[in-house]
Amino acid sequence: MPQEVTLKDMRRVFGIEFDTSNKISQFGGLKAFLEYLKTTKLRERVSSILGGQGSRSFLQLMIGVIVGIKDMEELTRVSNDPLIKKFIGNTVTETQIARNYKSFSASTVENLVFIMAGRI
């Protein structure tokens, strides 16, 4: 019967250290992309048009679409991931996101298009 290998054995034999804390993100591959977004100051530029809550709603939905959400409930789960939450800050509820999007005017959307195209 094979002997069970423990984390301590893995560390001793292979020099591998496993982080068993709950702070690991399943979206770790997005870290470089989120760091890039920080350097472009996208959040600040979007916030100048939509305000704090509006920009968080926009970023939550944008990241959700990138990771492939299927519905608003899944967006809430994704938004509560430690990595995503660290980038967004105080997340916005799914109902508030819907309200925020309904309140965006045509000129607001036009300004967002300019931001995303890098013109602002």
C-alpha atoms as a PDB file:
ATOM      1  CA  MET A   1       0.000   0.000   0.000  1.00  0.00           C
ATOM      2  CA  PRO A   2       1.475   3.396  -1.009  1.00  0.00           C
ATOM      3  CA  GLN A   3       2.473   5.754   1.775  1.00  0.00           C
ATOM      4  CA  GLU A   4       0.618   9.067   1.990  1.00  0.00           C
ATOM      5  CA  VAL A   5       2.759  12.073   1.083  1.00  0.00           C
ATOM      6  CA  THR A   6       2.242  15.122   3.270  1.00  0.00           C
ATOM      7  CA  LEU A   7       2.905  18.792   2.521  1.00  0.00           C
ATOM      8  CA  LYS A   8       5.842  18.584   4.915  1.00  0.00           C
ATOM      9  CA  ASP A   9       7.281  15.701   2.857  1.00  0.00           C
ATOM     10  CA  MET A  10       6.868  17.692  -0.368  1.00  0.00           C
ATOM     11  CA  ARG A  11       8.704  20.645   1.169  1.00  0.00           C
ATOM     12  CA  ARG A  12      11.531  18.441   2.489  1.00  0.00           C
ATOM     13  CA  VAL A  13      12.042  16.262  -0.578  1.00  0.00           C
ATOM     14  CA  PHE A  14      11.273  18.640  -3.449  1.00  0.00           C
ATOM     15  CA  GLY A  15      11.707  22.062  -1.881  1.00  0.00           C
ATOM     16  CA  ILE A  16       8.110  22.894  -2.862  1.00  0.00           C
ATOM     17  CA  GLU A  17       6.154  25.202  -0.589  1.00  0.00           C
ATOM     18  CA  PHE A  18       2.362  25.207  -0.863  1.00  0.00           C
ATOM     19  CA  ASP A  19       0.341  28.182   0.305  1.00  0.00           C
ATOM     20  CA  THR A  20      -2.665  26.689   2.048  1.00  0.00           C
ATOM     21  CA  SER A  21      -4.228  30.010   3.035  1.00  0.00           C
ATOM     22  CA  ASN A  22      -7.571  31.000   1.525  1.00  0.00           C
ATOM     23  CA  LYS A  23      -6.056  34.054  -0.147  1.00  0.00           C
ATOM     24  CA  ILE A  24      -5.333  32.231  -3.394  1.00  0.00           C
ATOM     25  CA  SER A  25      -7.275  33.451  -6.405  1.00  0.00           C
ATOM     26  CA  GLN A  26      -8.613  31.183  -9.103  1.00  0.00           C
ATOM     27  CA  PHE A  27      -8.108  34.150 -11.419  1.00  0.00           C
ATOM     28  CA  GLY A  28      -4.370  34.476 -10.736  1.00  0.00           C
ATOM     29  CA  GLY A  29      -3.688  34.680 -14.470  1.00  0.00           C
ATOM     30  CA  LEU A  30      -5.423  38.060 -14.494  1.00  0.00           C
ATOM     31  CA  LYS A  31      -2.908  39.600 -12.091  1.00  0.00           C
ATOM     32  CA  ALA A  32      -0.629  40.867 -14.870  1.00  0.00           C
ATOM     33  CA  PHE A  33      -3.615  42.289 -16.765  1.00  0.00           C
ATOM     34  CA  LEU A  34      -4.945  44.043 -13.646  1.00  0.00           C
ATOM     35  CA  GLU A  35      -1.482  45.477 -12.982  1.00  0.00           C
ATOM     36  CA  TYR A  36      -1.453  46.769 -16.553  1.00  0.00           C
ATOM     37  CA  LEU A  37      -4.858  48.413 -15.998  1.00  0.00           C
ATOM     38  CA  LYS A  38      -3.423  50.120 -12.920  1.00  0.00           C
ATOM     39  CA  THR A  39      -0.549  51.571 -14.958  1.00  0.00           C
ATOM     40  CA  THR A  40      -2.990  52.950 -17.545  1.00  0.00           C
ATOM     41  CA  LYS A  41      -5.006  54.596 -14.747  1.00  0.00           C
ATOM     42  CA  LEU A  42      -8.172  53.226 -16.363  1.00  0.00           C
ATOM     43  CA  ARG A  43     -10.059  53.277 -13.072  1.00  0.00           C
ATOM     44  CA  GLU A  44      -9.310  56.960 -12.503  1.00  0.00           C
ATOM     45  CA  ARG A  45     -10.282  57.874 -16.083  1.00  0.00           C
ATOM     46  CA  VAL A  46     -13.551  55.917 -15.890  1.00  0.00           C
ATOM     47  CA  SER A  47     -14.233  57.359 -12.449  1.00  0.00           C
ATOM     48  CA  SER A  48     -13.908  60.894 -13.827  1.00  0.00           C
ATOM     49  CA  ILE A  49     -16.923  60.153 -16.048  1.00  0.00           C
ATOM     50  CA  LEU A  50     -19.008  57.701 -13.990  1.00  0.00           C
ATOM     51  CA  GLY A  51     -18.050  58.527 -10.413  1.00  0.00           C
ATOM     52  CA  GLY A  52     -16.841  55.975  -7.861  1.00  0.00           C
ATOM     53  CA  GLN A  53     -19.744  53.543  -7.836  1.00  0.00           C
ATOM     54  CA  GLY A  54     -20.307  53.791 -11.580  1.00  0.00           C
ATOM     55  CA  SER A  55     -16.651  53.064 -12.317  1.00  0.00           C
ATOM     56  CA  ARG A  56     -16.658  50.065  -9.959  1.00  0.00           C
ATOM     57  CA  SER A  57     -19.787  48.766 -11.724  1.00  0.00           C
ATOM     58  CA  PHE A  58     -18.139  49.205 -15.106  1.00  0.00           C
ATOM     59  CA  LEU A  59     -14.909  47.496 -14.034  1.00  0.00           C
ATOM     60  CA  GLN A  60     -16.740  44.628 -12.327  1.00  0.00           C
ATOM     61  CA  LEU A  61     -18.744  43.886 -15.441  1.00  0.00           C
ATOM     62  CA  MET A  62     -15.722  44.334 -17.724  1.00  0.00           C
ATOM     63  CA  ILE A  63     -13.646  41.856 -15.691  1.00  0.00           C
ATOM     64  CA  GLY A  64     -16.629  39.525 -15.434  1.00  0.00           C
ATOM     65  CA  VAL A  65     -17.005  39.448 -19.209  1.00  0.00           C
ATOM     66  CA  ILE A  66     -13.268  38.799 -19.605  1.00  0.00           C
ATOM     67  CA  VAL A  67     -13.426  35.758 -17.280  1.00  0.00           C
ATOM     68  CA  GLY A  68     -16.597  34.471 -18.964  1.00  0.00           C
ATOM     69  CA  ILE A  69     -19.462  35.070 -16.553  1.00  0.00           C
ATOM     70  CA  LYS A  70     -22.812  33.649 -17.594  1.00  0.00           C
ATOM     71  CA  ASP A  71     -25.116  35.704 -15.368  1.00  0.00           C
ATOM     72  CA  MET A  72     -25.167  38.414 -12.714  1.00  0.00           C
ATOM     73  CA  GLU A  73     -24.976  35.922  -9.850  1.00  0.00           C
ATOM     74  CA  GLU A  74     -21.729  34.621 -11.280  1.00  0.00           C
ATOM     75  CA  LEU A  75     -20.522  38.220 -11.533  1.00  0.00           C
ATOM     76  CA  THR A  76     -21.073  38.572  -7.785  1.00  0.00           C
ATOM     77  CA  ARG A  77     -19.042  35.411  -7.112  1.00  0.00           C
ATOM     78  CA  VAL A  78     -16.222  36.582  -9.392  1.00  0.00           C
ATOM     79  CA  SER A  79     -16.254  40.053  -7.818  1.00  0.00           C
ATOM     80  CA  ASN A  80     -15.757  38.547  -4.359  1.00  0.00           C
ATOM     81  CA  ASP A  81     -12.553  36.773  -5.410  1.00  0.00           C
ATOM     82  CA  PRO A  82      -9.639  38.229  -3.371  1.00  0.00           C
ATOM     83  CA  LEU A  83      -7.647  39.344  -6.436  1.00  0.00           C
ATOM     84  CA  ILE A  84     -10.607  41.007  -8.146  1.00  0.00           C
ATOM     85  CA  LYS A  85     -11.838  42.585  -4.913  1.00  0.00           C
ATOM     86  CA  LYS A  86      -8.374  44.021  -4.259  1.00  0.00           C
ATOM     87  CA  PHE A  87      -8.424  45.690  -7.684  1.00  0.00           C
ATOM     88  CA  ILE A  88     -12.010  46.967  -7.534  1.00  0.00           C
ATOM     89  CA  GLY A  89     -12.263  47.788  -3.830  1.00  0.00           C
ATOM     90  CA  ASN A  90     -15.807  47.917  -2.495  1.00  0.00           C
ATOM     91  CA  THR A  91     -17.756  45.787  -4.916  1.00  0.00           C
ATOM     92  CA  VAL A  92     -21.197  46.810  -6.138  1.00  0.00           C
ATOM     93  CA  THR A  93     -24.244  44.542  -5.834  1.00  0.00           C
ATOM     94  CA  GLU A  94     -25.726  43.041  -8.974  1.00  0.00           C
ATOM     95  CA  THR A  95     -28.925  45.097  -8.642  1.00  0.00           C
ATOM     96  CA  GLN A  96     -26.940  48.324  -8.248  1.00  0.00           C
ATOM     97  CA  ILE A  97     -24.835  47.470 -11.300  1.00  0.00           C
ATOM     98  CA  ALA A  98     -28.037  47.124 -13.339  1.00  0.00           C
ATOM     99  CA  ARG A  99     -29.321  50.474 -12.018  1.00  0.00           C
ATOM    100  CA  ASN A 100     -26.007  52.159 -12.815  1.00  0.00           C
ATOM    101  CA  TYR A 101     -26.010  50.851 -16.381  1.00  0.00           C
ATOM    102  CA  LYS A 102     -29.598  51.999 -16.927  1.00  0.00           C
ATOM    103  CA  SER A 103     -28.636  55.486 -15.773  1.00  0.00           C
ATOM    104  CA  PHE A 104     -25.765  55.922 -18.280  1.00  0.00           C
ATOM    105  CA  SER A 105     -26.657  58.520 -20.909  1.00  0.00           C
ATOM    106  CA  ALA A 106     -25.632  58.355 -24.569  1.00  0.00           C
ATOM    107  CA  SER A 107     -22.916  60.962 -23.989  1.00  0.00           C
ATOM    108  CA  THR A 108     -21.593  58.965 -21.017  1.00  0.00           C
ATOM    109  CA  VAL A 109     -21.319  55.852 -23.189  1.00  0.00           C
ATOM    110  CA  GLU A 110     -19.635  57.906 -25.909  1.00  0.00           C
ATOM    111  CA  ASN A 111     -17.053  59.161 -23.404  1.00  0.00           C
ATOM    112  CA  LEU A 112     -16.433  55.579 -22.243  1.00  0.00           C
ATOM    113  CA  VAL A 113     -15.780  54.575 -25.854  1.00  0.00           C
ATOM    114  CA  PHE A 114     -13.188  57.365 -26.097  1.00  0.00           C
ATOM    115  CA  ILE A 115     -11.535  56.155 -22.882  1.00  0.00           C
ATOM    116  CA  MET A 116     -11.412  52.556 -24.046  1.00  0.00           C
ATOM    117  CA  ALA A 117      -9.966  53.679 -27.383  1.00  0.00           C
ATOM    118  CA  GLY A 118      -7.257  55.584 -25.518  1.00  0.00           C
ATOM    119  CA  ARG A 119      -8.352  59.042 -26.625  1.00  0.00           C
ATOM    120  CA  ILE A 120      -8.937  60.384 -23.106  1.00  0.00           C
END
